Amino acid sequence: MSYLVLARKWRPKKFAELVGQEHVVRALTNALDTGRVHHAFLFTGTRGVGKTTIARIFAKSLNCEQGTSAEPCGECRTCLDIDAGRFIDLLEIDAASNTGVDDVREVIDNAQYMPSRGRVKVYLIDEVHMLSKNAFNALLKTLEEPPGHVKFLLATTDPQKLPVTVLSRCLQFNLKRLDIAQIDGQMRKILGAEGIPFEDGAIRQLTRAADGSLRDGLSLLDQAIAYGGGGLGDAAVAAMLGTVDRARVAALLAALAEANGDKLMGEVASLAELSPDWGHVLEAIADALHRVQLRQLVPAMQLQDDDGGIDVGSLAERVRPEVVQLWYQMAVNGGRDLSIAPSPRVGFEMSLLRMLAFRPMGEGAGAGQVTSNATPMPRAAKPQVDGRAAAQAAIAEAVAKPEPAPVPQRERITKPEPAMREEPPAAPVAKVMSLDADGWLDLIAGTPLKGPTKELASHVGFVAYDNGVLSLSLSADDDFLKTPMAVKQLSESLTAAFGAAPQIRFETTKANVGDTLRQRNERERDARHGAAEDAFLNDPDVQRLMQQGAKLVPDSIRPLDD
């Protein structure tokens, strides 16, 4: 008896069954209904969000025996064969396993032949970013002008690794990570259909562990069902995932709020008996502090699920908002430091001790609640510690942050003055007022850009900036770099320099009016190369060797910094 895992059994077979990704479904549905179907599509996004699923449904829509439609029948032989993975005109290629140019040449050679059964021959290339450079070059011409009976569907988790020449030839769709509510709803639907009992706490833990991937969530659901012997219990799922009951997280936070070190370490010792994942515990603490802060600052906001055993209201009253923010930062940073700690438990304990070390002025050892009418500390005062260790005072000073903006109707506590204060950044207007062609090149050179956006920025020249509109020149040969996504990202990257994201307009010319960053970099590189050649050839030892018969290999001299 064979068992089909939930991720495969419940894989959507129609666009209407997809969870999320409405923006992609709408675009593809309109293309199919109007007959304006592009020849190459690129689906990007993290794992398990539906990239290959959408590609297969799209292939089924193109080849359904009832006609091209956004709603394939799902019953004809073609639809059934595509669902089963045996349709001869749907060629699925795993680029991670077939990276070489020979594999791509086989695709190109077969693309010229008409489909055997369907109307359209569909090439689905998964993890396309894994192809080699030579393979991409071999694919480019066919990808740009394929035969009318061929469609390319590319999927990748890392679009930044794709050459800009490939990106410019595809319609790109970015699939979103699924939110907790979407994964929760799908899990409940599947469990109801499968007749499997479950507890709400178990579903909540699994949706959080899925981390935006429905496929990962369903794989964890399969594992949890097997672990629980056919049921889905809160405690069983917690044991499987290595998470802890929220009541234990509440006990840790209560001990911190009371400044009770003995109680805090006792809770840690009890927790250690369960052999938890200490990183997951810190994540649970950070999540609880996030809920406390929402209750304090946005009390009208409705949270998506219950408090799970944590008295959020009580903690919101006992701990000041500024302290909650500081504890949250300590929990997040503590999770990052676990890998370099002497042991995970030591790293976990030190994170809690940092939280314990930070006490506002006026609270002694074992003090009760943090009251809202405590006397504010002067700016130069240091936070007091309760004598557990003298070194904790240094830790508290190191983690303290500059004083935040005042919170309405709440007393604020004052943090230690930082050792160094950064100078405020220069007003963006000053940069813009003096911006010229050279200033533009310096600005772009210092802006961190990647992928297609970096390519676009390096090929444009400065024309003018006036009243929020940035005019740039772009050679007609480079017009393909001007994709909507690259233009948007370039505009957003200039927000800090201009005070707001400028509106970008392009003046397409046969040649760039202004100098481009690429041209300047090439000119500087040529100058460095020329200087290196002169220095090398004028070296007395080199001249002596050449007089003795040594010959210089052309183009072999490189500057040291290259």
Protein backbone atom coordinates (compact mmCIF):
# COMPACT_ATOMS: atom_id res chain seq x y z
CA MET A 1 0.00 0.00 0.00
CA SER A 2 1.55 3.30 -1.11
CA TYR A 3 1.03 6.54 0.82
CA LEU A 4 0.91 9.86 -0.96
CA VAL A 5 2.29 12.66 1.18
CA LEU A 6 -0.04 15.58 1.91
CA ALA A 7 2.07 18.08 -0.07
CA ARG A 8 1.53 15.99 -3.23
CA LYS A 9 -1.98 14.79 -2.51
CA TRP A 10 -3.24 18.33 -1.95
CA ARG A 11 -1.16 20.01 -4.65
CA PRO A 12 -3.46 22.49 -6.46
CA LYS A 13 -4.64 21.40 -9.91
CA LYS A 14 -6.42 24.65 -10.82
CA PHE A 15 -5.67 28.31 -10.32
CA ALA A 16 -8.74 28.56 -8.06
CA GLU A 17 -7.19 26.04 -5.64
CA LEU A 18 -3.98 28.04 -5.11
CA VAL A 19 -3.39 29.55 -1.68
CA GLY A 20 -2.27 33.16 -2.02
CA GLN A 21 -0.42 34.48 -5.13
CA GLU A 22 -3.58 36.20 -6.39
CA HIS A 23 -1.48 38.80 -8.23
CA VAL A 24 0.20 36.10 -10.33
CA VAL A 25 -3.02 34.18 -10.98
CA ARG A 26 -4.76 37.33 -12.16
CA ALA A 27 -2.01 38.20 -14.66
CA LEU A 28 -1.84 34.67 -16.08
CA THR A 29 -5.64 34.36 -16.25
CA ASN A 30 -5.93 37.60 -18.21
CA ALA A 31 -3.16 36.50 -20.58
CA LEU A 32 -4.88 33.18 -21.26
CA ASP A 33 -8.35 34.72 -21.70
CA THR A 34 -7.11 37.38 -24.12
CA GLY A 35 -4.68 35.14 -26.01
CA ARG A 36 -1.74 37.48 -25.25
CA VAL A 37 0.55 34.78 -23.90
CA HIS A 38 4.24 35.67 -23.71
CA HIS A 39 6.79 33.09 -24.82
CA ALA A 40 8.89 33.12 -21.59
CA PHE A 41 7.86 33.44 -17.94
CA LEU A 42 10.06 33.61 -14.84
CA PHE A 43 8.57 32.64 -11.47
CA THR A 44 10.65 33.67 -8.45
CA GLY A 45 10.17 33.18 -4.73
CA THR A 46 11.26 31.16 -1.72
CA ARG A 47 10.79 27.41 -1.51
CA GLY A 48 7.33 25.89 -1.27
CA VAL A 49 5.23 28.89 -2.33
CA GLY A 50 3.93 27.43 -5.62
CA LYS A 51 6.40 28.24 -8.42
CA THR A 52 6.38 24.85 -10.17
CA THR A 53 2.73 24.28 -9.29
CA ILE A 54 1.70 27.46 -11.10
CA ALA A 55 3.90 26.49 -14.06
CA ARG A 56 2.21 23.08 -14.35
CA ILE A 57 -1.29 24.56 -14.14
CA PHE A 58 -0.28 27.08 -16.80
CA ALA A 59 0.97 24.25 -19.05
CA LYS A 60 -2.33 22.45 -18.53
CA SER A 61 -4.26 25.60 -19.45
CA LEU A 62 -2.33 25.87 -22.73
CA ASN A 63 -2.83 22.24 -23.75
CA CYS A 64 -6.25 21.25 -22.37
CA GLU A 65 -8.22 19.35 -25.02
CA GLN A 66 -11.25 21.56 -24.31
CA GLY A 67 -9.28 24.59 -25.55
CA THR A 68 -6.85 27.17 -24.19
CA SER A 69 -8.41 28.57 -21.03
CA ALA A 70 -7.59 29.78 -17.54
CA GLU A 71 -9.83 26.96 -16.27
CA PRO A 72 -8.61 23.63 -17.72
CA CYS A 73 -11.14 20.83 -17.47
CA GLY A 74 -8.91 18.56 -15.40
CA GLU A 75 -10.64 15.50 -16.87
CA CYS A 76 -9.28 15.10 -20.40
CA ARG A 77 -6.35 12.82 -21.12
CA THR A 78 -3.95 15.73 -21.45
CA CYS A 79 -4.90 17.26 -18.08
CA LEU A 80 -4.66 13.90 -16.35
CA ASP A 81 -1.27 13.16 -17.90
CA ILE A 82 0.11 16.54 -16.86
CA ASP A 83 -1.13 15.99 -13.29
CA ALA A 84 0.54 12.57 -13.30
CA GLY A 85 3.80 13.98 -14.72
CA ARG A 86 3.78 11.92 -17.91
CA PHE A 87 2.71 14.42 -20.60
CA ILE A 88 5.27 14.14 -23.39
CA ASP A 89 5.09 17.81 -24.43
CA LEU A 90 5.75 19.11 -20.90
CA LEU A 91 9.50 18.78 -20.39
CA GLU A 92 10.57 19.43 -16.79
CA ILE A 93 14.29 20.08 -16.46
CA ASP A 94 16.09 20.29 -13.12
CA ALA A 95 18.81 22.87 -13.75
CA ALA A 96 20.55 21.87 -10.52
CA SER A 97 21.31 18.47 -12.06
CA ASN A 98 21.64 19.54 -15.71
CA THR A 99 23.86 22.59 -15.56
CA GLY A 100 26.04 22.08 -18.61
CA VAL A 101 25.87 23.56 -22.06
CA ASP A 102 25.29 20.13 -23.62
CA ASP A 103 22.06 19.73 -21.67
CA VAL A 104 20.82 23.09 -22.94
CA ARG A 105 21.83 22.31 -26.53
CA GLU A 106 19.61 19.22 -26.37
CA VAL A 107 16.69 21.47 -25.33
CA ILE A 108 17.42 23.86 -28.21
CA ASP A 109 17.66 21.06 -30.77
CA ASN A 110 14.33 19.54 -29.68
CA ALA A 111 12.52 22.88 -29.53
CA GLN A 112 12.33 23.13 -33.33
CA TYR A 113 10.12 20.03 -33.60
CA MET A 114 6.33 20.34 -33.34
CA PRO A 115 4.54 19.00 -30.22
CA SER A 116 3.70 15.29 -30.28
CA ARG A 117 0.25 15.56 -28.65
CA GLY A 118 -0.53 19.04 -27.38
CA ARG A 119 -0.82 22.44 -29.02
CA VAL A 120 2.20 23.86 -27.23
CA LYS A 121 5.50 22.34 -26.18
CA VAL A 122 6.31 23.65 -22.68
CA TYR A 123 9.80 23.68 -21.16
CA LEU A 124 9.73 23.99 -17.35
CA ILE A 125 13.28 24.70 -16.09
CA ASP A 126 13.42 24.57 -12.29
CA GLU A 127 16.18 26.32 -10.30
CA VAL A 128 17.29 27.96 -13.54
CA HIS A 129 19.91 30.07 -11.74
CA MET A 130 22.04 26.90 -11.42
CA LEU A 131 22.82 26.83 -15.16
CA SER A 132 26.40 27.59 -16.10
CA LYS A 133 27.39 30.77 -17.94
CA ASN A 134 27.93 28.86 -21.18
CA ALA A 135 24.55 27.19 -20.81
CA PHE A 136 22.86 30.57 -20.44
CA ASN A 137 24.62 31.88 -23.53
CA ALA A 138 23.48 28.87 -25.53
CA LEU A 139 19.90 29.35 -24.38
CA LEU A 140 19.63 33.10 -24.99
CA LYS A 141 18.79 33.14 -28.71
CA THR A 142 16.11 30.46 -28.44
CA LEU A 143 14.74 32.10 -25.28
CA GLU A 144 14.38 35.41 -27.11
CA GLU A 145 12.84 34.09 -30.34
CA PRO A 146 11.48 30.57 -29.78
CA PRO A 147 9.25 28.86 -32.35
CA GLY A 148 5.57 29.71 -32.03
CA HIS A 149 4.75 26.29 -30.56
CA VAL A 150 7.22 26.63 -27.63
CA LYS A 151 6.80 28.30 -24.23
CA PHE A 152 9.50 28.60 -21.57
CA LEU A 153 8.55 28.56 -17.88
CA LEU A 154 11.53 29.27 -15.62
CA ALA A 155 11.50 28.94 -11.82
CA THR A 156 14.16 30.05 -9.33
CA THR A 157 14.66 30.81 -5.66
CA ASP A 158 17.57 33.17 -6.40
CA PRO A 159 16.84 35.57 -9.30
CA GLN A 160 19.86 37.74 -8.40
CA LYS A 161 22.11 35.07 -9.93
CA LEU A 162 20.41 35.25 -13.33
CA PRO A 163 22.15 37.24 -16.08
CA VAL A 164 20.39 40.48 -16.94
CA THR A 165 20.15 39.26 -20.53
CA VAL A 166 17.90 36.42 -19.36
CA LEU A 167 15.78 38.64 -17.11
CA SER A 168 15.13 41.05 -19.96
CA ARG A 169 13.65 38.28 -22.11
CA CYS A 170 11.10 37.03 -19.57
CA LEU A 171 7.94 38.22 -17.89
CA GLN A 172 8.86 38.04 -14.21
CA PHE A 173 6.42 37.15 -11.40
CA ASN A 174 7.55 37.27 -7.78
CA LEU A 175 5.63 34.85 -5.56
CA LYS A 176 5.06 35.98 -1.98
CA ARG A 177 5.70 34.09 1.22
CA LEU A 178 2.42 32.86 2.66
CA ASP A 179 1.25 34.43 5.91
CA ILE A 180 0.27 32.49 9.01
CA ALA A 181 -3.47 32.85 8.38
CA GLN A 182 -3.21 31.34 4.87
CA ILE A 183 -1.17 28.33 6.03
CA ASP A 184 -3.45 27.89 9.06
CA GLY A 185 -6.58 27.85 6.89
CA GLN A 186 -5.14 25.29 4.46
CA MET A 187 -4.00 22.99 7.26
CA ARG A 188 -7.42 23.06 8.91
CA LYS A 189 -9.08 22.35 5.56
CA ILE A 190 -6.81 19.35 4.92
CA LEU A 191 -7.17 17.93 8.44
CA GLY A 192 -10.94 18.25 8.21
CA ALA A 193 -11.03 16.44 4.88
CA GLU A 194 -8.68 13.71 6.16
CA GLY A 195 -10.72 13.28 9.36
CA ILE A 196 -7.74 13.87 11.65
CA PRO A 197 -8.40 15.42 15.11
CA PHE A 198 -6.22 18.35 16.12
CA GLU A 199 -5.69 20.99 18.78
CA ASP A 200 -5.49 24.69 17.96
CA GLY A 201 -2.12 25.05 19.71
CA ALA A 202 -0.62 22.36 17.49
CA ILE A 203 -1.75 24.15 14.32
CA ARG A 204 -0.37 27.42 15.65
CA GLN A 205 3.06 25.88 16.23
CA LEU A 206 3.17 24.25 12.80
CA THR A 207 2.17 27.42 10.94
CA ARG A 208 4.93 29.37 12.64
CA ALA A 209 7.50 26.64 11.93
CA ALA A 210 6.49 26.61 8.24
CA ASP A 211 8.11 30.05 7.89
CA GLY A 212 5.99 31.16 4.93
CA SER A 213 6.30 27.90 2.94
CA LEU A 214 3.10 25.87 2.55
CA ARG A 215 5.05 22.84 1.33
CA ASP A 216 7.28 22.93 4.42
CA GLY A 217 4.18 23.31 6.55
CA LEU A 218 2.50 20.25 5.02
CA SER A 219 5.70 18.22 5.39
CA LEU A 220 5.77 19.14 9.09
CA LEU A 221 2.07 18.28 9.29
CA ASP A 222 2.79 14.81 7.88
CA GLN A 223 5.57 14.37 10.42
CA ALA A 224 3.38 15.56 13.30
CA ILE A 225 0.56 13.16 12.37
CA ALA A 226 3.01 10.25 12.34
CA TYR A 227 4.59 11.40 15.62
CA GLY A 228 1.21 11.74 17.31
CA GLY A 229 -0.07 8.38 16.11
CA GLY A 230 -2.81 9.79 13.89
CA GLY A 231 -3.76 12.79 16.02
CA LEU A 232 -2.37 16.29 16.36
CA GLY A 233 -1.77 17.31 19.97
CA ASP A 234 -0.23 20.54 21.22
CA ALA A 235 2.29 18.79 23.52
CA ALA A 236 3.29 16.22 20.90
CA VAL A 237 3.96 18.87 18.28
CA ALA A 238 5.98 20.90 20.78
CA ALA A 239 8.11 17.85 21.57
CA MET A 240 8.59 17.12 17.86
CA LEU A 241 9.62 20.68 17.00
CA GLY A 242 11.74 21.17 20.11
CA THR A 243 9.61 24.13 21.19
CA VAL A 244 8.39 24.81 24.73
CA ASP A 245 5.02 25.42 26.26
CA ARG A 246 4.12 29.10 26.38
CA ALA A 247 3.44 28.77 30.10
CA ARG A 248 7.19 28.27 30.61
CA VAL A 249 7.93 31.35 28.52
CA ALA A 250 5.43 33.24 30.69
CA ALA A 251 7.24 32.05 33.84
CA LEU A 252 10.58 33.32 32.48
CA LEU A 253 9.12 36.73 31.67
CA ALA A 254 7.40 36.92 35.07
CA ALA A 255 10.71 36.24 36.82
CA LEU A 256 12.37 38.96 34.75
CA ALA A 257 9.58 41.42 35.56
CA GLU A 258 10.05 40.67 39.29
CA ALA A 259 13.86 40.97 39.01
CA ASN A 260 14.03 37.57 40.74
CA GLY A 261 17.26 35.94 39.65
CA ASP A 262 16.82 32.78 41.73
CA LYS A 263 13.40 32.13 40.23
CA LEU A 264 14.70 32.86 36.74
CA MET A 265 17.56 30.35 37.00
CA GLY A 266 15.19 27.81 38.52
CA GLU A 267 12.92 28.08 35.48
CA VAL A 268 15.93 27.65 33.19
CA ALA A 269 16.95 24.50 35.08
CA SER A 270 13.43 23.06 34.74
CA LEU A 271 13.44 23.93 31.07
CA ALA A 272 16.80 22.20 30.53
CA GLU A 273 15.26 18.87 31.61
CA LEU A 274 13.17 18.95 28.41
CA SER A 275 16.30 19.38 26.21
CA PRO A 276 14.72 22.22 24.22
CA ASP A 277 16.10 24.09 21.25
CA TRP A 278 17.37 27.17 23.08
CA GLY A 279 17.17 29.26 19.93
CA HIS A 280 13.47 28.44 19.61
CA VAL A 281 12.93 29.47 23.25
CA LEU A 282 14.51 32.87 22.57
CA GLU A 283 12.27 33.21 19.50
CA ALA A 284 9.25 32.44 21.69
CA ILE A 285 10.37 35.09 24.21
CA ALA A 286 10.80 37.65 21.42
CA ASP A 287 7.35 36.77 20.05
CA ALA A 288 5.79 37.21 23.49
CA LEU A 289 7.53 40.59 23.96
CA HIS A 290 6.19 41.66 20.57
CA ARG A 291 2.66 40.88 21.77
CA VAL A 292 3.27 42.78 25.01
CA GLN A 293 4.49 45.83 23.09
CA LEU A 294 1.42 45.77 20.84
CA ARG A 295 -0.82 45.67 23.90
CA GLN A 296 1.04 48.68 25.32
CA LEU A 297 1.27 50.90 22.26
CA VAL A 298 -1.54 49.71 19.96
CA PRO A 299 -4.16 48.35 22.37
CA ALA A 300 -6.93 48.49 19.74
CA MET A 301 -5.12 46.02 17.47
CA GLN A 302 -6.62 42.53 17.42
CA LEU A 303 -4.02 39.76 17.47
CA GLN A 304 -4.45 36.79 15.15
CA ASP A 305 -4.55 34.14 17.90
CA ASP A 306 -4.92 33.88 21.65
CA ASP A 307 -2.17 34.63 24.14
CA GLY A 308 -1.40 30.93 24.64
CA GLY A 309 -0.92 30.99 28.42
CA ILE A 310 1.00 34.29 28.58
CA ASP A 311 -0.61 37.04 30.64
CA VAL A 312 0.13 39.77 28.13
CA GLY A 313 -2.03 42.32 29.96
CA SER A 314 -0.19 41.91 33.24
CA LEU A 315 3.24 42.13 31.63
CA ALA A 316 2.16 45.21 29.67
CA GLU A 317 1.35 46.96 32.96
CA ARG A 318 4.42 45.82 34.91
CA VAL A 319 7.19 46.39 32.37
CA ARG A 320 7.81 49.73 30.74
CA PRO A 321 7.62 49.97 26.91
CA GLU A 322 11.26 51.04 26.72
CA VAL A 323 12.37 47.97 28.67
CA VAL A 324 10.24 45.68 26.47
CA GLN A 325 12.02 47.08 23.42
CA LEU A 326 15.42 46.49 25.01
CA TRP A 327 14.56 42.94 26.09
CA TYR A 328 13.28 42.14 22.61
CA GLN A 329 16.57 43.28 21.08
CA MET A 330 18.50 41.18 23.60
CA ALA A 331 16.43 38.09 22.73
CA VAL A 332 16.98 38.55 18.98
CA ASN A 333 20.71 39.21 19.34
CA GLY A 334 21.03 36.32 21.80
CA GLY A 335 19.61 33.96 19.20
CA ARG A 336 22.26 35.06 16.72
CA ASP A 337 25.04 34.56 19.29
CA LEU A 338 24.12 31.00 20.29
CA SER A 339 26.38 29.48 17.63
CA ILE A 340 29.46 31.20 19.09
CA ALA A 341 28.59 30.75 22.77
CA PRO A 342 30.50 28.15 24.86
CA SER A 343 27.29 26.12 24.77
CA PRO A 344 23.70 26.88 23.64
CA ARG A 345 22.47 26.86 27.24
CA VAL A 346 25.19 29.26 28.37
CA GLY A 347 24.31 31.60 25.53
CA PHE A 348 20.63 31.38 26.47
CA GLU A 349 21.32 32.09 30.14
CA MET A 350 23.53 35.06 29.31
CA SER A 351 20.76 36.54 27.18
CA LEU A 352 18.37 36.33 30.15
CA LEU A 353 21.05 37.71 32.51
CA ARG A 354 21.44 40.73 30.24
CA MET A 355 17.72 41.36 30.59
CA LEU A 356 17.99 40.89 34.37
CA ALA A 357 20.98 43.23 34.61
CA PHE A 358 19.12 46.17 33.13
CA ARG A 359 17.01 47.75 35.91
CA PRO A 360 15.77 51.36 35.94
CA MET A 361 16.95 53.67 38.72
CA GLY A 362 15.03 53.15 41.94
CA GLU A 363 14.67 49.35 41.75
CA GLY A 364 16.69 47.24 44.16
CA ALA A 365 17.30 43.53 44.23
CA GLY A 366 14.12 41.56 44.17
CA ALA A 367 12.01 44.67 43.63
CA GLY A 368 8.45 44.14 42.62
CA GLN A 369 6.83 45.80 39.66
CA VAL A 370 8.22 48.60 37.54
CA THR A 371 5.89 51.45 38.42
CA SER A 372 4.94 54.18 35.99
CA ASN A 373 5.59 56.96 38.54
CA ALA A 374 9.24 56.09 39.22
CA THR A 375 11.60 59.05 39.27
CA PRO A 376 13.28 59.43 35.87
CA MET A 377 17.05 58.93 35.76
CA PRO A 378 19.31 61.82 34.77
CA ARG A 379 20.86 61.38 31.32
CA ALA A 380 24.33 60.69 32.70
CA ALA A 381 23.18 58.09 35.26
CA LYS A 382 24.05 54.44 34.88
CA PRO A 383 21.43 51.68 35.27
CA GLN A 384 21.64 49.95 38.65
CA VAL A 385 22.19 46.23 39.09
CA ASP A 386 21.28 44.13 42.11
CA GLY A 387 24.75 42.87 43.05
CA ARG A 388 24.63 39.47 41.30
CA ALA A 389 27.93 40.19 39.59
CA ALA A 390 29.95 43.34 39.18
CA ALA A 391 30.50 42.53 35.50
CA GLN A 392 26.82 42.87 34.83
CA ALA A 393 27.09 46.62 35.16
CA ALA A 394 29.41 46.71 32.15
CA ILE A 395 27.03 44.49 30.19
CA ALA A 396 24.07 46.73 31.01
CA GLU A 397 25.97 49.81 29.88
CA ALA A 398 27.06 48.13 26.64
CA VAL A 399 23.55 47.06 25.62
CA ALA A 400 21.79 50.26 26.65
CA LYS A 401 20.60 52.38 23.73
CA PRO A 402 20.11 56.16 23.33
CA GLU A 403 16.89 57.48 24.81
CA PRO A 404 13.89 56.78 22.52
CA ALA A 405 11.14 59.21 21.61
CA PRO A 406 8.67 59.80 24.52
CA VAL A 407 5.61 57.56 24.63
CA PRO A 408 2.31 59.42 25.23
CA GLN A 409 0.97 59.20 28.82
CA ARG A 410 3.92 57.08 29.97
CA GLU A 411 6.93 57.97 32.06
CA ARG A 412 10.15 57.31 30.22
CA ILE A 413 13.36 55.87 31.63
CA THR A 414 16.67 57.37 30.67
CA LYS A 415 19.39 55.25 29.11
CA PRO A 416 23.15 55.77 29.53
CA GLU A 417 24.78 58.29 27.26
CA PRO A 418 26.57 56.38 24.44
CA ALA A 419 30.34 56.68 24.27
CA MET A 420 30.18 58.27 20.84
CA ARG A 421 27.36 60.16 19.16
CA GLU A 422 27.05 60.05 15.41
CA GLU A 423 26.80 63.35 13.62
CA PRO A 424 23.40 63.87 11.97
CA PRO A 425 23.51 63.18 8.24
CA ALA A 426 23.73 66.12 5.90
CA ALA A 427 20.43 67.33 4.56
CA PRO A 428 19.54 65.53 1.33
CA VAL A 429 18.70 68.82 -0.36
CA ALA A 430 22.33 69.88 -0.21
CA LYS A 431 23.34 66.88 -2.30
CA VAL A 432 20.66 67.46 -4.86
CA MET A 433 21.37 71.18 -5.15
CA SER A 434 25.00 70.47 -6.15
CA LEU A 435 24.31 67.40 -8.23
CA ASP A 436 26.00 67.30 -11.62
CA ALA A 437 27.31 64.59 -13.91
CA ASP A 438 30.37 63.86 -11.75
CA GLY A 439 28.35 64.08 -8.53
CA TRP A 440 25.86 61.62 -9.99
CA LEU A 441 28.61 59.10 -10.69
CA ASP A 442 29.98 59.46 -7.14
CA LEU A 443 26.46 59.02 -5.75
CA ILE A 444 25.77 55.85 -7.72
CA ALA A 445 29.22 54.41 -6.95
CA GLY A 446 28.48 54.71 -3.23
CA THR A 447 24.96 53.25 -3.41
CA PRO A 448 24.71 49.49 -2.70
CA LEU A 449 22.95 48.00 -5.73
CA LYS A 450 22.70 44.44 -7.03
CA GLY A 451 21.72 42.50 -10.12
CA PRO A 452 19.67 44.23 -12.85
CA THR A 453 19.42 47.47 -10.86
CA LYS A 454 23.22 47.73 -10.67
CA GLU A 455 23.51 47.07 -14.40
CA LEU A 456 20.96 49.78 -15.18
CA ALA A 457 22.63 52.33 -12.88
CA SER A 458 26.06 51.73 -14.42
CA HIS A 459 24.77 52.34 -17.98
CA VAL A 460 22.88 55.63 -17.48
CA GLY A 461 24.20 59.18 -17.64
CA PHE A 462 23.02 62.21 -15.70
CA VAL A 463 20.97 64.82 -17.59
CA ALA A 464 19.15 66.94 -15.01
CA TYR A 465 17.24 66.96 -11.75
CA ASP A 466 14.35 69.34 -11.21
CA ASN A 467 11.36 69.35 -8.86
CA GLY A 468 11.55 65.67 -7.93
CA VAL A 469 12.15 64.46 -11.51
CA LEU A 470 15.51 62.83 -12.32
CA SER A 471 16.32 62.78 -16.05
CA LEU A 472 18.85 60.20 -17.20
CA SER A 473 20.26 59.29 -20.59
CA LEU A 474 20.31 55.69 -21.78
CA SER A 475 21.77 54.33 -24.98
CA ALA A 476 19.28 52.71 -27.33
CA ASP A 477 21.46 49.59 -27.27
CA ASP A 478 20.95 49.37 -23.50
CA ASP A 479 17.21 50.05 -23.48
CA PHE A 480 16.47 46.44 -22.48
CA LEU A 481 17.96 47.19 -19.03
CA LYS A 482 15.06 49.56 -18.30
CA THR A 483 12.72 47.00 -16.68
CA PRO A 484 9.99 48.29 -14.33
CA MET A 485 11.49 46.45 -11.37
CA ALA A 486 15.01 47.80 -11.96
CA VAL A 487 13.70 51.36 -12.37
CA LYS A 488 11.64 51.08 -9.19
CA GLN A 489 14.55 49.72 -7.15
CA LEU A 490 16.90 52.40 -8.50
CA SER A 491 14.43 55.12 -7.51
CA GLU A 492 13.98 53.67 -4.01
CA SER A 493 17.73 53.40 -3.49
CA LEU A 494 18.02 57.18 -4.04
CA THR A 495 15.52 58.07 -1.32
CA ALA A 496 18.18 58.90 1.28
CA ALA A 497 20.11 61.17 -1.11
CA PHE A 498 17.10 63.04 -2.51
CA GLY A 499 14.88 63.12 0.56
CA ALA A 500 12.24 61.13 -1.35
CA ALA A 501 12.24 58.60 -4.14
CA PRO A 502 12.64 60.63 -7.36
CA GLN A 503 10.58 60.07 -10.49
CA ILE A 504 12.98 58.77 -13.13
CA ARG A 505 12.65 59.70 -16.80
CA PHE A 506 14.87 58.35 -19.54
CA GLU A 507 16.10 60.07 -22.68
CA THR A 508 16.94 57.34 -25.15
CA THR A 509 19.79 58.35 -27.45
CA LYS A 510 22.18 56.65 -29.85
CA ALA A 511 24.92 57.38 -27.35
CA ASN A 512 24.85 58.56 -23.75
CA VAL A 513 24.91 62.34 -23.36
CA GLY A 514 26.54 62.19 -19.94
CA ASP A 515 29.36 59.94 -18.86
CA THR A 516 28.22 56.66 -17.29
CA LEU A 517 29.65 54.88 -14.26
CA ARG A 518 30.62 51.98 -16.51
CA GLN A 519 32.55 54.28 -18.84
CA ARG A 520 34.29 55.98 -15.92
CA ASN A 521 35.24 52.64 -14.36
CA GLU A 522 36.61 51.39 -17.68
CA ARG A 523 38.59 54.61 -18.15
CA GLU A 524 40.06 54.37 -14.66
CA ARG A 525 40.84 50.69 -15.16
CA ASP A 526 42.64 51.48 -18.44
CA ALA A 527 44.61 54.21 -16.71
CA ARG A 528 45.67 51.85 -13.91
CA HIS A 529 46.62 49.24 -16.46
CA GLY A 530 48.69 51.71 -18.44
CA ALA A 531 50.48 52.91 -15.32
CA ALA A 532 51.20 49.32 -14.31
CA GLU A 533 52.67 48.55 -17.73
CA ASP A 534 54.88 51.66 -17.65
CA ALA A 535 56.12 50.88 -14.15
CA PHE A 536 56.84 47.27 -15.09
CA LEU A 537 58.61 47.99 -18.36
CA ASN A 538 60.73 50.77 -16.79
CA ASP A 539 61.93 48.51 -13.98
CA PRO A 540 65.71 47.98 -14.37
CA ASP A 541 65.50 44.27 -13.62
CA VAL A 542 62.79 43.77 -16.23
CA GLN A 543 64.78 45.70 -18.84
CA ARG A 544 67.86 43.59 -18.06
CA LEU A 545 65.91 40.36 -18.48
CA MET A 546 64.43 41.52 -21.78
CA GLN A 547 67.90 42.44 -23.04
CA GLN A 548 68.97 38.89 -22.22
CA GLY A 549 66.19 37.49 -24.45
CA ALA A 550 63.15 37.39 -22.18
CA LYS A 551 59.83 38.09 -23.94
CA LEU A 552 56.74 39.74 -22.48
CA VAL A 553 53.44 37.86 -22.82
CA PRO A 554 50.88 40.32 -24.29
CA ASP A 555 48.11 41.52 -21.91
CA SER A 556 49.73 39.70 -18.98
CA ILE A 557 50.43 42.78 -16.85
CA ARG A 558 47.81 43.61 -14.22
CA PRO A 559 47.75 46.27 -11.46
CA LEU A 560 48.25 44.82 -8.00
CA ASP A 561 44.83 45.99 -6.78
CA ASP A 562 43.16 44.04 -9.62
